[in-house]
């Protein structure tokens, strides 16, 4: 399987990418590196630095991964979000705006490209 992992340079996302690759899957990591670290990305993963709030970058990612007659990815695992509890209490609208807009953008592009598997890590996303 070819899996897109958003937030794949973060703690949980990077561990998931390692596990996917250990299991023989292809992983594409999309992360803006605001909270993640490029060195945490598995060396066999395809790393693309970008932001889910940038719809043209997101569409470009999916278009670049197109496969003949198939969706660009077999699945998407969404771990990207702002996650700091203290900051979310001080700046709730930043969290609401950015996290909700990010997943809305992602779901729109996933739907447009007919990707039918989607996992949301909901611990701190919304």
PDB file of N, CA and C in Angstrom:
ATOM      1  N   UNK A   1       0.834  -1.185   0.000  1.00  0.00           N
ATOM      2  CA  UNK A   1       0.000   0.000   0.000  1.00  0.00           C
ATOM      3  C   UNK A   1       0.879   1.249   0.000  1.00  0.00           C
ATOM      4  N   UNK A   2       0.373   2.287  -0.598  1.00  0.00           N
ATOM      5  CA  UNK A   2       1.022   3.594  -0.595  1.00  0.00           C
ATOM      6  C   UNK A   2       0.176   4.503   0.292  1.00  0.00           C
ATOM      7  N   UNK A   3       0.778   4.986   1.383  1.00  0.00           N
ATOM      8  CA  UNK A   3       0.035   5.722   2.402  1.00  0.00           C
ATOM      9  C   UNK A   3       0.622   7.122   2.576  1.00  0.00           C
ATOM     10  N   UNK A   4      -0.252   8.110   2.581  1.00  0.00           N
ATOM     11  CA  UNK A   4       0.130   9.474   2.924  1.00  0.00           C
ATOM     12  C   UNK A   4      -0.037   9.635   4.426  1.00  0.00           C
ATOM     13  N   UNK A   5       1.018  10.129   5.096  1.00  0.00           N
ATOM     14  CA  UNK A   5       0.960  10.384   6.533  1.00  0.00           C
ATOM     15  C   UNK A   5       1.184  11.873   6.749  1.00  0.00           C
ATOM     16  N   UNK A   6       0.115  12.577   7.103  1.00  0.00           N
ATOM     17  CA  UNK A   6       0.262  14.001   7.424  1.00  0.00           C
ATOM     18  C   UNK A   6       0.756  14.092   8.860  1.00  0.00           C
ATOM     19  N   UNK A   7       1.668  15.022   9.096  1.00  0.00           N
ATOM     20  CA  UNK A   7       2.269  15.101  10.417  1.00  0.00           C
ATOM     21  C   UNK A   7       3.246  13.961  10.671  1.00  0.00           C
ATOM     22  N   UNK A   8       3.775  13.402   9.608  1.00  0.00           N
ATOM     23  CA  UNK A   8       4.664  12.244   9.708  1.00  0.00           C
ATOM     24  C   UNK A   8       6.052  12.555  10.227  1.00  0.00           C
ATOM     25  N   UNK A   9       6.341  13.830  10.510  1.00  0.00           N
ATOM     26  CA  UNK A   9       7.618  14.196  11.124  1.00  0.00           C
ATOM     27  C   UNK A   9       7.441  14.467  12.615  1.00  0.00           C
ATOM     28  N   UNK A  10       6.234  14.286  13.108  1.00  0.00           N
ATOM     29  CA  UNK A  10       5.963  14.435  14.534  1.00  0.00           C
ATOM     30  C   UNK A  10       6.172  13.118  15.259  1.00  0.00           C
ATOM     31  N   UNK A  11       5.972  13.131  16.547  1.00  0.00           N
ATOM     32  CA  UNK A  11       6.258  11.950  17.359  1.00  0.00           C
ATOM     33  C   UNK A  11       5.435  10.730  16.929  1.00  0.00           C
ATOM     34  N   UNK A  12       4.131  10.832  16.980  1.00  0.00           N
ATOM     35  CA  UNK A  12       3.288   9.680  16.642  1.00  0.00           C
ATOM     36  C   UNK A  12       3.375   9.365  15.158  1.00  0.00           C
ATOM     37  N   UNK A  13       3.267  10.393  14.314  1.00  0.00           N
ATOM     38  CA  UNK A  13       3.317  10.171  12.872  1.00  0.00           C
ATOM     39  C   UNK A  13       4.598   9.493  12.420  1.00  0.00           C
ATOM     40  N   UNK A  14       5.730   9.901  12.971  1.00  0.00           N
ATOM     41  CA  UNK A  14       7.001   9.301  12.556  1.00  0.00           C
ATOM     42  C   UNK A  14       7.075   7.834  12.971  1.00  0.00           C
ATOM     43  N   UNK A  15       6.533   7.495  14.144  1.00  0.00           N
ATOM     44  CA  UNK A  15       6.518   6.093  14.562  1.00  0.00           C
ATOM     45  C   UNK A  15       5.611   5.262  13.655  1.00  0.00           C
ATOM     46  N   UNK A  16       4.500   5.828  13.250  1.00  0.00           N
ATOM     47  CA  UNK A  16       3.601   5.126  12.327  1.00  0.00           C
ATOM     48  C   UNK A  16       4.305   4.893  10.987  1.00  0.00           C
ATOM     49  N   UNK A  17       5.022   5.896  10.496  1.00  0.00           N
ATOM     50  CA  UNK A  17       5.753   5.753   9.226  1.00  0.00           C
ATOM     51  C   UNK A  17       6.776   4.629   9.324  1.00  0.00           C
ATOM     52  N   UNK A  18       7.523   4.573  10.417  1.00  0.00           N
ATOM     53  CA  UNK A  18       8.500   3.488  10.593  1.00  0.00           C
ATOM     54  C   UNK A  18       7.805   2.130  10.543  1.00  0.00           C
ATOM     55  N   UNK A  19       6.675   2.032  11.199  1.00  0.00           N
ATOM     56  CA  UNK A  19       5.935   0.758  11.225  1.00  0.00           C
ATOM     57  C   UNK A  19       5.411   0.411   9.830  1.00  0.00           C
ATOM     58  N   UNK A  20       4.870   1.387   9.115  1.00  0.00           N
ATOM     59  CA  UNK A  20       4.393   1.136   7.754  1.00  0.00           C
ATOM     60  C   UNK A  20       5.517   0.593   6.873  1.00  0.00           C
ATOM     61  N   UNK A  21       6.677   1.228   6.938  1.00  0.00           N
ATOM     62  CA  UNK A  21       7.799   0.811   6.097  1.00  0.00           C
ATOM     63  C   UNK A  21       8.304  -0.566   6.521  1.00  0.00           C
ATOM     64  N   UNK A  22       8.353  -0.823   7.834  1.00  0.00           N
ATOM     65  CA  UNK A  22       8.736  -2.160   8.308  1.00  0.00           C
ATOM     66  C   UNK A  22       7.806  -3.234   7.769  1.00  0.00           C
ATOM     67  N   UNK A  23       6.537  -2.877   7.562  1.00  0.00           N
ATOM     68  CA  UNK A  23       5.543  -3.826   7.057  1.00  0.00           C
ATOM     69  C   UNK A  23       5.530  -3.913   5.535  1.00  0.00           C
ATOM     70  N   UNK A  24       6.436  -3.183   4.873  1.00  0.00           N
ATOM     71  CA  UNK A  24       6.559  -3.265   3.424  1.00  0.00           C
ATOM     72  C   UNK A  24       5.733  -2.272   2.631  1.00  0.00           C
ATOM     73  N   UNK A  25       5.157  -1.295   3.298  1.00  0.00           N
ATOM     74  CA  UNK A  25       4.346  -0.290   2.611  1.00  0.00           C
ATOM     75  C   UNK A  25       5.199   0.908   2.206  1.00  0.00           C
ATOM     76  N   UNK A  26       4.709   1.672   1.237  1.00  0.00           N
ATOM     77  CA  UNK A  26       5.323   2.943   0.868  1.00  0.00           C
ATOM     78  C   UNK A  26       4.691   4.034   1.717  1.00  0.00           C
ATOM     79  N   UNK A  27       5.514   4.983   2.168  1.00  0.00           N
ATOM     80  CA  UNK A  27       4.986   6.087   2.966  1.00  0.00           C
ATOM     81  C   UNK A  27       5.439   7.412   2.369  1.00  0.00           C
ATOM     82  N   UNK A  28       4.480   8.314   2.249  1.00  0.00           N
ATOM     83  CA  UNK A  28       4.761   9.688   1.852  1.00  0.00           C
ATOM     84  C   UNK A  28       4.387  10.554   3.052  1.00  0.00           C
ATOM     85  N   UNK A  29       5.343  11.348   3.516  1.00  0.00           N
ATOM     86  CA  UNK A  29       5.143  12.210   4.673  1.00  0.00           C
ATOM     87  C   UNK A  29       4.933  13.636   4.187  1.00  0.00           C
ATOM     88  N   UNK A  30       3.871  14.265   4.681  1.00  0.00           N
ATOM     89  CA  UNK A  30       3.583  15.675   4.389  1.00  0.00           C
ATOM     90  C   UNK A  30       3.534  16.391   5.723  1.00  0.00           C
ATOM     91  N   UNK A  31       4.472  17.308   5.932  1.00  0.00           N
ATOM     92  CA  UNK A  31       4.585  17.965   7.234  1.00  0.00           C
ATOM     93  C   UNK A  31       5.157  19.364   7.028  1.00  0.00           C
ATOM     94  N   UNK A  32       4.660  20.339   7.792  1.00  0.00           N
ATOM     95  CA  UNK A  32       5.175  21.700   7.677  1.00  0.00           C
ATOM     96  C   UNK A  32       6.358  21.963   8.613  1.00  0.00           C
ATOM     97  N   UNK A  33       6.704  20.995   9.441  1.00  0.00           N
ATOM     98  CA  UNK A  33       7.838  21.050  10.370  1.00  0.00           C
ATOM     99  C   UNK A  33       7.704  22.133  11.446  1.00  0.00           C
ATOM    100  N   UNK A  34       6.496  22.631  11.681  1.00  0.00           N
ATOM    101  CA  UNK A  34       6.306  23.583  12.777  1.00  0.00           C
ATOM    102  C   UNK A  34       6.533  22.878  14.117  1.00  0.00           C
ATOM    103  N   UNK A  35       6.019  21.668  14.255  1.00  0.00           N
ATOM    104  CA  UNK A  35       6.217  20.898  15.483  1.00  0.00           C
ATOM    105  C   UNK A  35       7.012  19.626  15.230  1.00  0.00           C
ATOM    106  N   UNK A  36       7.133  19.216  13.974  1.00  0.00           N
ATOM    107  CA  UNK A  36       7.850  17.994  13.637  1.00  0.00           C
ATOM    108  C   UNK A  36       9.310  18.264  13.332  1.00  0.00           C
ATOM    109  N   UNK A  37      10.029  17.201  13.073  1.00  0.00           N
ATOM    110  CA  UNK A  37      11.464  17.281  12.818  1.00  0.00           C
ATOM    111  C   UNK A  37      11.809  16.408  11.613  1.00  0.00           C
ATOM    112  N   UNK A  38      12.458  17.000  10.629  1.00  0.00           N
ATOM    113  CA  UNK A  38      12.807  16.262   9.406  1.00  0.00           C
ATOM    114  C   UNK A  38      13.632  15.028   9.721  1.00  0.00           C
ATOM    115  N   UNK A  39      14.500  15.097  10.722  1.00  0.00           N
ATOM    116  CA  UNK A  39      15.341  13.944  11.042  1.00  0.00           C
ATOM    117  C   UNK A  39      14.544  12.785  11.642  1.00  0.00           C
ATOM    118  N   UNK A  40      13.296  13.022  12.037  1.00  0.00           N
ATOM    119  CA  UNK A  40      12.452  11.951  12.566  1.00  0.00           C
ATOM    120  C   UNK A  40      11.809  11.119  11.456  1.00  0.00           C
ATOM    121  N   UNK A  41      11.872  11.604  10.225  1.00  0.00           N
ATOM    122  CA  UNK A  41      11.241  10.909   9.097  1.00  0.00           C
ATOM    123  C   UNK A  41      12.114   9.733   8.668  1.00  0.00           C
ATOM    124  N   UNK A  42      11.508   8.594   8.489  1.00  0.00           N
ATOM    125  CA  UNK A  42      12.222   7.393   8.039  1.00  0.00           C
ATOM    126  C   UNK A  42      12.955   7.696   6.740  1.00  0.00           C
ATOM    127  N   UNK A  43      14.206   7.263   6.599  1.00  0.00           N
ATOM    128  CA  UNK A  43      14.971   7.571   5.387  1.00  0.00           C
ATOM    129  C   UNK A  43      14.365   6.988   4.103  1.00  0.00           C
ATOM    130  N   UNK A  44      13.539   5.963   4.215  1.00  0.00           N
ATOM    131  CA  UNK A  44      12.905   5.389   3.023  1.00  0.00           C
ATOM    132  C   UNK A  44      11.584   6.052   2.661  1.00  0.00           C
ATOM    133  N   UNK A  45      11.104   6.918   3.518  1.00  0.00           N
ATOM    134  CA  UNK A  45       9.852   7.631   3.233  1.00  0.00           C
ATOM    135  C   UNK A  45      10.130   8.775   2.268  1.00  0.00           C
ATOM    136  N   UNK A  46       9.133   9.097   1.480  1.00  0.00           N
ATOM    137  CA  UNK A  46       9.207  10.269   0.605  1.00  0.00           C
ATOM    138  C   UNK A  46       8.703  11.452   1.431  1.00  0.00           C
ATOM    139  N   UNK A  47       9.594  12.398   1.757  1.00  0.00           N
ATOM    140  CA  UNK A  47       9.219  13.536   2.585  1.00  0.00           C
ATOM    141  C   UNK A  47       8.922  14.752   1.714  1.00  0.00           C
ATOM    142  N   UNK A  48       7.752  15.360   1.938  1.00  0.00           N
ATOM    143  CA  UNK A  48       7.361  16.583   1.257  1.00  0.00           C
ATOM    144  C   UNK A  48       7.032  17.607   2.333  1.00  0.00           C
ATOM    145  N   UNK A  49       7.786  18.703   2.358  1.00  0.00           N
ATOM    146  CA  UNK A  49       7.486  19.759   3.322  1.00  0.00           C
ATOM    147  C   UNK A  49       6.380  20.633   2.748  1.00  0.00           C
ATOM    148  N   UNK A  50       5.298  20.758   3.495  1.00  0.00           N
ATOM    149  CA  UNK A  50       4.176  21.555   3.046  1.00  0.00           C
ATOM    150  C   UNK A  50       3.160  21.699   4.159  1.00  0.00           C
ATOM    151  N   UNK A  51       2.195  22.562   3.932  1.00  0.00           N
ATOM    152  CA  UNK A  51       1.205  22.899   4.942  1.00  0.00           C
ATOM    153  C   UNK A  51      -0.191  22.569   4.432  1.00  0.00           C
ATOM    154  N   UNK A  52      -0.984  21.922   5.256  1.00  0.00           N
ATOM    155  CA  UNK A  52      -2.354  21.574   4.874  1.00  0.00           C
ATOM    156  C   UNK A  52      -3.232  22.801   4.666  1.00  0.00           C
ATOM    157  N   UNK A  53      -2.806  23.942   5.152  1.00  0.00           N
ATOM    158  CA  UNK A  53      -3.560  25.178   4.929  1.00  0.00           C
ATOM    159  C   UNK A  53      -3.315  25.737   3.534  1.00  0.00           C
ATOM    160  N   UNK A  54      -2.307  25.233   2.842  1.00  0.00           N
ATOM    161  CA  UNK A  54      -1.957  25.651   1.485  1.00  0.00           C
ATOM    162  C   UNK A  54      -2.585  24.674   0.492  1.00  0.00           C
ATOM    163  N   UNK A  55      -3.777  25.017   0.040  1.00  0.00           N
ATOM    164  CA  UNK A  55      -4.538  24.112  -0.824  1.00  0.00           C
ATOM    165  C   UNK A  55      -3.798  23.791  -2.117  1.00  0.00           C
ATOM    166  N   UNK A  56      -3.083  24.742  -2.697  1.00  0.00           N
ATOM    167  CA  UNK A  56      -2.368  24.453  -3.948  1.00  0.00           C
ATOM    168  C   UNK A  56      -1.221  23.468  -3.696  1.00  0.00           C
ATOM    169  N   UNK A  57      -0.545  23.576  -2.568  1.00  0.00           N
ATOM    170  CA  UNK A  57       0.514  22.610  -2.240  1.00  0.00           C
ATOM    171  C   UNK A  57      -0.077  21.226  -2.010  1.00  0.00           C
ATOM    172  N   UNK A  58      -1.213  21.183  -1.360  1.00  0.00           N
ATOM    173  CA  UNK A  58      -1.879  19.913  -1.090  1.00  0.00           C
ATOM    174  C   UNK A  58      -2.346  19.252  -2.383  1.00  0.00           C
ATOM    175  N   UNK A  59      -2.988  20.033  -3.244  1.00  0.00           N
ATOM    176  CA  UNK A  59      -3.410  19.480  -4.542  1.00  0.00           C
ATOM    177  C   UNK A  59      -2.196  19.052  -5.371  1.00  0.00           C
ATOM    178  N   UNK A  60      -1.127  19.847  -5.317  1.00  0.00           N
ATOM    179  CA  UNK A  60       0.096  19.500  -6.036  1.00  0.00           C
ATOM    180  C   UNK A  60       0.678  18.181  -5.566  1.00  0.00           C
ATOM    181  N   UNK A  61       0.638  17.934  -4.261  1.00  0.00           N
ATOM    182  CA  UNK A  61       1.117  16.669  -3.710  1.00  0.00           C
ATOM    183  C   UNK A  61       0.323  15.499  -4.285  1.00  0.00           C
ATOM    184  N   UNK A  62      -0.992  15.607  -4.254  1.00  0.00           N
ATOM    185  CA  UNK A  62      -1.837  14.518  -4.753  1.00  0.00           C
ATOM    186  C   UNK A  62      -1.659  14.346  -6.266  1.00  0.00           C
ATOM    187  N   UNK A  63      -1.580  15.441  -6.991  1.00  0.00           N
ATOM    188  CA  UNK A  63      -1.395  15.350  -8.451  1.00  0.00           C
ATOM    189  C   UNK A  63      -0.052  14.710  -8.791  1.00  0.00           C
ATOM    190  N   UNK A  64       0.984  15.027  -8.036  1.00  0.00           N
ATOM    191  CA  UNK A  64       2.322  14.472  -8.296  1.00  0.00           C
ATOM    192  C   UNK A  64       2.381  12.976  -8.011  1.00  0.00           C
ATOM    193  N   UNK A  65       1.471  12.479  -7.188  1.00  0.00           N
ATOM    194  CA  UNK A  65       1.481  11.064  -6.805  1.00  0.00           C
ATOM    195  C   UNK A  65       0.489  10.215  -7.608  1.00  0.00           C
ATOM    196  N   UNK A  66      -0.161  10.816  -8.600  1.00  0.00           N
ATOM    197  CA  UNK A  66      -1.168  10.082  -9.379  1.00  0.00           C
ATOM    198  C   UNK A  66      -0.579   8.827  -9.995  1.00  0.00           C
ATOM    199  N   UNK A  67      -1.408   7.795 -10.048  1.00  0.00           N
ATOM    200  CA  UNK A  67      -1.026   6.529 -10.654  1.00  0.00           C
ATOM    201  C   UNK A  67      -2.067   6.191 -11.711  1.00  0.00           C
ATOM    202  N   UNK A  68      -1.657   5.560 -12.762  1.00  0.00           N
ATOM    203  CA  UNK A  68      -2.561   5.237 -13.875  1.00  0.00           C
ATOM    204  C   UNK A  68      -3.818   4.522 -13.387  1.00  0.00           C
ATOM    205  N   UNK A  69      -4.946   5.189 -13.532  1.00  0.00           N
ATOM    206  CA  UNK A  69      -6.234   4.591 -13.226  1.00  0.00           C
ATOM    207  C   UNK A  69      -6.501   4.347 -11.754  1.00  0.00           C
ATOM    208  N   UNK A  70      -5.624   4.792 -10.889  1.00  0.00           N
ATOM    209  CA  UNK A  70      -5.804   4.563  -9.459  1.00  0.00           C
ATOM    210  C   UNK A  70      -5.697   5.878  -8.699  1.00  0.00           C
ATOM    211  N   UNK A  71      -6.172   5.851  -7.463  1.00  0.00           N
ATOM    212  CA  UNK A  71      -5.989   7.005  -6.580  1.00  0.00           C
ATOM    213  C   UNK A  71      -4.502   7.174  -6.299  1.00  0.00           C
ATOM    214  N   UNK A  72      -4.059   8.391  -5.998  1.00  0.00           N
ATOM    215  CA  UNK A  72      -2.635   8.607  -5.736  1.00  0.00           C
ATOM    216  C   UNK A  72      -2.134   7.878  -4.489  1.00  0.00           C
ATOM    217  N   UNK A  73      -3.034   7.625  -3.543  1.00  0.00           N
ATOM    218  CA  UNK A  73      -2.687   6.917  -2.319  1.00  0.00           C
ATOM    219  C   UNK A  73      -3.747   5.860  -2.042  1.00  0.00           C
ATOM    220  N   UNK A  74      -3.331   4.770  -1.414  1.00  0.00           N
ATOM    221  CA  UNK A  74      -4.290   3.754  -0.984  1.00  0.00           C
ATOM    222  C   UNK A  74      -4.982   4.170   0.305  1.00  0.00           C
ATOM    223  N   UNK A  75      -4.345   5.074   1.033  1.00  0.00           N
ATOM    224  CA  UNK A  75      -4.928   5.558   2.269  1.00  0.00           C
ATOM    225  C   UNK A  75      -4.199   6.787   2.774  1.00  0.00           C
ATOM    226  N   UNK A  76      -4.862   7.498   3.675  1.00  0.00           N
ATOM    227  CA  UNK A  76      -4.290   8.683   4.313  1.00  0.00           C
ATOM    228  C   UNK A  76      -4.431   8.507   5.820  1.00  0.00           C
ATOM    229  N   UNK A  77      -3.349   8.804   6.530  1.00  0.00           N
ATOM    230  CA  UNK A  77      -3.365   8.806   7.986  1.00  0.00           C
ATOM    231  C   UNK A  77      -3.054  10.240   8.421  1.00  0.00           C
ATOM    232  N   UNK A  78      -4.008  10.864   9.106  1.00  0.00           N
ATOM    233  CA  UNK A  78      -3.905  12.287   9.422  1.00  0.00           C
ATOM    234  C   UNK A  78      -3.522  12.502  10.885  1.00  0.00           C
ATOM    235  N   UNK A  79      -2.271  12.953  11.095  1.00  0.00           N
ATOM    236  CA  UNK A  79      -1.763  13.249  12.431  1.00  0.00           C
ATOM    237  C   UNK A  79      -1.384  14.716  12.594  1.00  0.00           C
ATOM    238  N   UNK A  80      -1.481  15.501  11.543  1.00  0.00           N
ATOM    239  CA  UNK A  80      -1.023  16.894  11.577  1.00  0.00           C
ATOM    240  C   UNK A  80      -2.026  17.783  12.296  1.00  0.00           C
ATOM    241  N   UNK A  81      -1.542  18.535  13.276  1.00  0.00           N
ATOM    242  CA  UNK A  81      -2.394  19.507  13.964  1.00  0.00           C
ATOM    243  C   UNK A  81      -1.565  20.280  14.967  1.00  0.00           C
ATOM    244  N   UNK A  82      -2.136  21.372  15.438  1.00  0.00           N
ATOM    245  CA  UNK A  82      -1.580  22.043  16.608  1.00  0.00           C
ATOM    246  C   UNK A  82      -2.040  21.217  17.808  1.00  0.00           C
ATOM    247  N   UNK A  83      -1.139  20.982  18.764  1.00  0.00           N
ATOM    248  CA  UNK A  83      -1.497  20.043  19.831  1.00  0.00           C
ATOM    249  C   UNK A  83      -1.177  20.518  21.247  1.00  0.00           C
ATOM    250  N   UNK A  84      -0.663  21.704  21.425  1.00  0.00           N
ATOM    251  CA  UNK A  84      -0.261  22.156  22.751  1.00  0.00           C
ATOM    252  C   UNK A  84      -1.474  22.642  23.548  1.00  0.00           C
ATOM    253  N   UNK A  85      -1.800  21.942  24.628  1.00  0.00           N
ATOM    254  CA  UNK A  85      -3.005  22.250  25.404  1.00  0.00           C
ATOM    255  C   UNK A  85      -2.964  23.669  25.961  1.00  0.00           C
ATOM    256  N   UNK A  86      -1.855  24.050  26.579  1.00  0.00           N
ATOM    257  CA  UNK A  86      -1.758  25.390  27.161  1.00  0.00           C
ATOM    258  C   UNK A  86      -1.976  26.479  26.133  1.00  0.00           C
ATOM    259  N   UNK A  87      -1.313  26.335  24.981  1.00  0.00           N
ATOM    260  CA  UNK A  87      -1.472  27.335  23.921  1.00  0.00           C
ATOM    261  C   UNK A  87      -2.908  27.342  23.396  1.00  0.00           C
ATOM    262  N   UNK A  88      -3.517  26.176  23.321  1.00  0.00           N
ATOM    263  CA  UNK A  88      -4.898  26.121  22.811  1.00  0.00           C
ATOM    264  C   UNK A  88      -5.865  26.871  23.726  1.00  0.00           C
ATOM    265  N   UNK A  89      -5.546  26.935  25.007  1.00  0.00           N
ATOM    266  CA  UNK A  89      -6.388  27.683  25.940  1.00  0.00           C
ATOM    267  C   UNK A  89      -6.183  29.189  25.760  1.00  0.00           C
ATOM    268  N   UNK A  90      -4.961  29.582  25.418  1.00  0.00           N
ATOM    269  CA  UNK A  90      -4.670  31.005  25.208  1.00  0.00           C
ATOM    270  C   UNK A  90      -5.094  31.469  23.814  1.00  0.00           C
ATOM    271  N   UNK A  91      -5.037  30.579  22.841  1.00  0.00           N
ATOM    272  CA  UNK A  91      -5.342  30.932  21.442  1.00  0.00           C
ATOM    273  C   UNK A  91      -6.322  29.932  20.838  1.00  0.00           C
ATOM    274  N   UNK A  92      -7.522  29.825  21.388  1.00  0.00           N
ATOM    275  CA  UNK A  92      -8.442  28.793  20.913  1.00  0.00           C
ATOM    276  C   UNK A  92      -8.838  28.953  19.449  1.00  0.00           C
ATOM    277  N   UNK A  93      -8.936  30.187  18.978  1.00  0.00           N
ATOM    278  CA  UNK A  93      -9.375  30.370  17.596  1.00  0.00           C
ATOM    279  C   UNK A  93      -8.299  29.969  16.600  1.00  0.00           C
ATOM    280  N   UNK A  94      -7.046  30.109  16.972  1.00  0.00           N
ATOM    281  CA  UNK A  94      -5.949  29.607  16.127  1.00  0.00           C
ATOM    282  C   UNK A  94      -6.109  28.098  15.955  1.00  0.00           C
ATOM    283  N   UNK A  95      -6.372  27.413  17.044  1.00  0.00           N
ATOM    284  CA  UNK A  95      -6.510  25.956  16.999  1.00  0.00           C
ATOM    285  C   UNK A  95      -7.750  25.541  16.213  1.00  0.00           C
ATOM    286  N   UNK A  96      -8.857  26.191  16.499  1.00  0.00           N
ATOM    287  CA  UNK A  96     -10.083  25.874  15.763  1.00  0.00           C
ATOM    288  C   UNK A  96      -9.918  26.147  14.272  1.00  0.00           C
ATOM    289  N   UNK A  97      -9.426  27.329  13.941  1.00  0.00           N
ATOM    290  CA  UNK A  97      -9.277  27.728  12.535  1.00  0.00           C
ATOM    291  C   UNK A  97      -8.301  26.800  11.816  1.00  0.00           C
ATOM    292  N   UNK A  98      -7.094  26.685  12.345  1.00  0.00           N
ATOM    293  CA  UNK A  98      -6.068  25.942  11.628  1.00  0.00           C
ATOM    294  C   UNK A  98      -6.360  24.448  11.570  1.00  0.00           C
ATOM    295  N   UNK A  99      -6.751  23.851  12.679  1.00  0.00           N
ATOM    296  CA  UNK A  99      -6.979  22.409  12.670  1.00  0.00           C
ATOM    297  C   UNK A  99      -8.209  22.024  11.854  1.00  0.00           C
ATOM    298  N   UNK A 100      -9.260  22.811  11.956  1.00  0.00           N
ATOM    299  CA  UNK A 100     -10.467  22.487  11.192  1.00  0.00           C
ATOM    300  C   UNK A 100     -10.267  22.777   9.702  1.00  0.00           C
ATOM    301  N   UNK A 101      -9.642  23.888   9.375  1.00  0.00           N
ATOM    302  CA  UNK A 101      -9.383  24.189   7.975  1.00  0.00           C
ATOM    303  C   UNK A 101      -8.434  23.159   7.363  1.00  0.00           C
ATOM    304  N   UNK A 102      -7.436  22.738   8.115  1.00  0.00           N
ATOM    305  CA  UNK A 102      -6.487  21.741   7.607  1.00  0.00           C
ATOM    306  C   UNK A 102      -7.194  20.437   7.259  1.00  0.00           C
ATOM    307  N   UNK A 103      -8.012  19.925   8.165  1.00  0.00           N
ATOM    308  CA  UNK A 103      -8.680  18.653   7.875  1.00  0.00           C
ATOM    309  C   UNK A 103      -9.740  18.828   6.786  1.00  0.00           C
ATOM    310  N   UNK A 104     -10.380  19.987   6.744  1.00  0.00           N
ATOM    311  CA  UNK A 104     -11.352  20.245   5.675  1.00  0.00           C
ATOM    312  C   UNK A 104     -10.655  20.247   4.316  1.00  0.00           C
ATOM    313  N   UNK A 105      -9.516  20.932   4.215  1.00  0.00           N
ATOM    314  CA  UNK A 105      -8.744  20.926   2.963  1.00  0.00           C
ATOM    315  C   UNK A 105      -8.345  19.509   2.587  1.00  0.00           C
ATOM    316  N   UNK A 106      -7.819  18.778   3.565  1.00  0.00           N
ATOM    317  CA  UNK A 106      -7.365  17.415   3.296  1.00  0.00           C
ATOM    318  C   UNK A 106      -8.514  16.530   2.836  1.00  0.00           C
ATOM    319  N   UNK A 107      -9.634  16.593   3.519  1.00  0.00           N
ATOM    320  CA  UNK A 107     -10.780  15.755   3.134  1.00  0.00           C
ATOM    321  C   UNK A 107     -11.305  16.116   1.745  1.00  0.00           C
ATOM    322  N   UNK A 108     -11.266  17.381   1.405  1.00  0.00           N
ATOM    323  CA  UNK A 108     -11.700  17.790   0.062  1.00  0.00           C
ATOM    324  C   UNK A 108     -10.803  17.175  -1.009  1.00  0.00           C
ATOM    325  N   UNK A 109      -9.489  17.251  -0.808  1.00  0.00           N
ATOM    326  CA  UNK A 109      -8.560  16.714  -1.800  1.00  0.00           C
ATOM    327  C   UNK A 109      -8.613  15.182  -1.822  1.00  0.00           C
ATOM    328  N   UNK A 110      -8.740  14.566  -0.669  1.00  0.00           N
ATOM    329  CA  UNK A 110      -8.873  13.109  -0.589  1.00  0.00           C
ATOM    330  C   UNK A 110     -10.103  12.658  -1.373  1.00  0.00           C
ATOM    331  N   UNK A 111     -11.206  13.359  -1.187  1.00  0.00           N
ATOM    332  CA  UNK A 111     -12.453  13.023  -1.891  1.00  0.00           C
ATOM    333  C   UNK A 111     -12.309  13.256  -3.394  1.00  0.00           C
ATOM    334  N   UNK A 112     -11.734  14.383  -3.775  1.00  0.00           N
ATOM    335  CA  UNK A 112     -11.535  14.681  -5.198  1.00  0.00           C
ATOM    336  C   UNK A 112     -10.678  13.635  -5.895  1.00  0.00           C
ATOM    337  N   UNK A 113      -9.737  13.052  -5.161  1.00  0.00           N
ATOM    338  CA  UNK A 113      -8.817  12.066  -5.744  1.00  0.00           C
ATOM    339  C   UNK A 113      -9.236  10.631  -5.457  1.00  0.00           C
ATOM    340  N   UNK A 114     -10.431  10.472  -4.902  1.00  0.00           N
ATOM    341  CA  UNK A 114     -11.042   9.159  -4.702  1.00  0.00           C
ATOM    342  C   UNK A 114     -10.207   8.205  -3.844  1.00  0.00           C
ATOM    343  N   UNK A 115      -9.579   8.757  -2.813  1.00  0.00           N
ATOM    344  CA  UNK A 115      -8.888   7.932  -1.828  1.00  0.00           C
ATOM    345  C   UNK A 115      -9.945   7.471  -0.839  1.00  0.00           C
ATOM    346  N   UNK A 116     -10.095   6.155  -0.665  1.00  0.00           N
ATOM    347  CA  UNK A 116     -11.226   5.669   0.129  1.00  0.00           C
ATOM    348  C   UNK A 116     -10.852   5.154   1.521  1.00  0.00           C
ATOM    349  N   UNK A 117      -9.623   5.339   1.936  1.00  0.00           N
ATOM    350  CA  UNK A 117      -9.225   4.956   3.291  1.00  0.00           C
ATOM    351  C   UNK A 117      -8.650   6.189   3.988  1.00  0.00           C
ATOM    352  N   UNK A 118      -9.186   6.483   5.170  1.00  0.00           N
ATOM    353  CA  UNK A 118      -8.766   7.684   5.893  1.00  0.00           C
ATOM    354  C   UNK A 118      -8.800   7.411   7.382  1.00  0.00           C
ATOM    355  N   UNK A 119      -7.676   7.650   8.041  1.00  0.00           N
ATOM    356  CA  UNK A 119      -7.604   7.503   9.499  1.00  0.00           C
ATOM    357  C   UNK A 119      -7.300   8.862  10.091  1.00  0.00           C
ATOM    358  N   UNK A 120      -8.082   9.258  11.063  1.00  0.00           N
ATOM    359  CA  UNK A 120      -7.897  10.519  11.763  1.00  0.00           C
ATOM    360  C   UNK A 120      -7.438  10.221  13.179  1.00  0.00           C
ATOM    361  N   UNK A 121      -6.294  10.780  13.565  1.00  0.00           N
ATOM    362  CA  UNK A 121      -5.865  10.722  14.958  1.00  0.00           C
ATOM    363  C   UNK A 121      -6.581  11.859  15.667  1.00  0.00           C
ATOM    364  N   UNK A 122      -7.581  11.538  16.472  1.00  0.00           N
ATOM    365  CA  UNK A 122      -8.467  12.562  17.004  1.00  0.00           C
ATOM    366  C   UNK A 122      -8.116  13.050  18.401  1.00  0.00           C
ATOM    367  N   UNK A 123      -7.019  12.605  18.980  1.00  0.00           N
ATOM    368  CA  UNK A 123      -6.680  12.976  20.334  1.00  0.00           C
ATOM    369  C   UNK A 123      -6.646  14.487  20.527  1.00  0.00           C
ATOM    370  N   UNK A 124      -6.027  15.204  19.575  1.00  0.00           N
ATOM    371  CA  UNK A 124      -5.894  16.646  19.741  1.00  0.00           C
ATOM    372  C   UNK A 124      -6.215  17.423  18.494  1.00  0.00           C
ATOM    373  N   UNK A 125      -6.779  16.804  17.487  1.00  0.00           N
ATOM    374  CA  UNK A 125      -6.963  17.473  16.199  1.00  0.00           C
ATOM    375  C   UNK A 125      -8.031  18.542  16.215  1.00  0.00           C
ATOM    376  N   UNK A 126      -9.123  18.347  16.880  1.00  0.00           N
ATOM    377  CA  UNK A 126     -10.226  19.295  16.750  1.00  0.00           C
ATOM    378  C   UNK A 126     -10.612  19.896  18.070  1.00  0.00           C
TER     379      UNK A 126
END
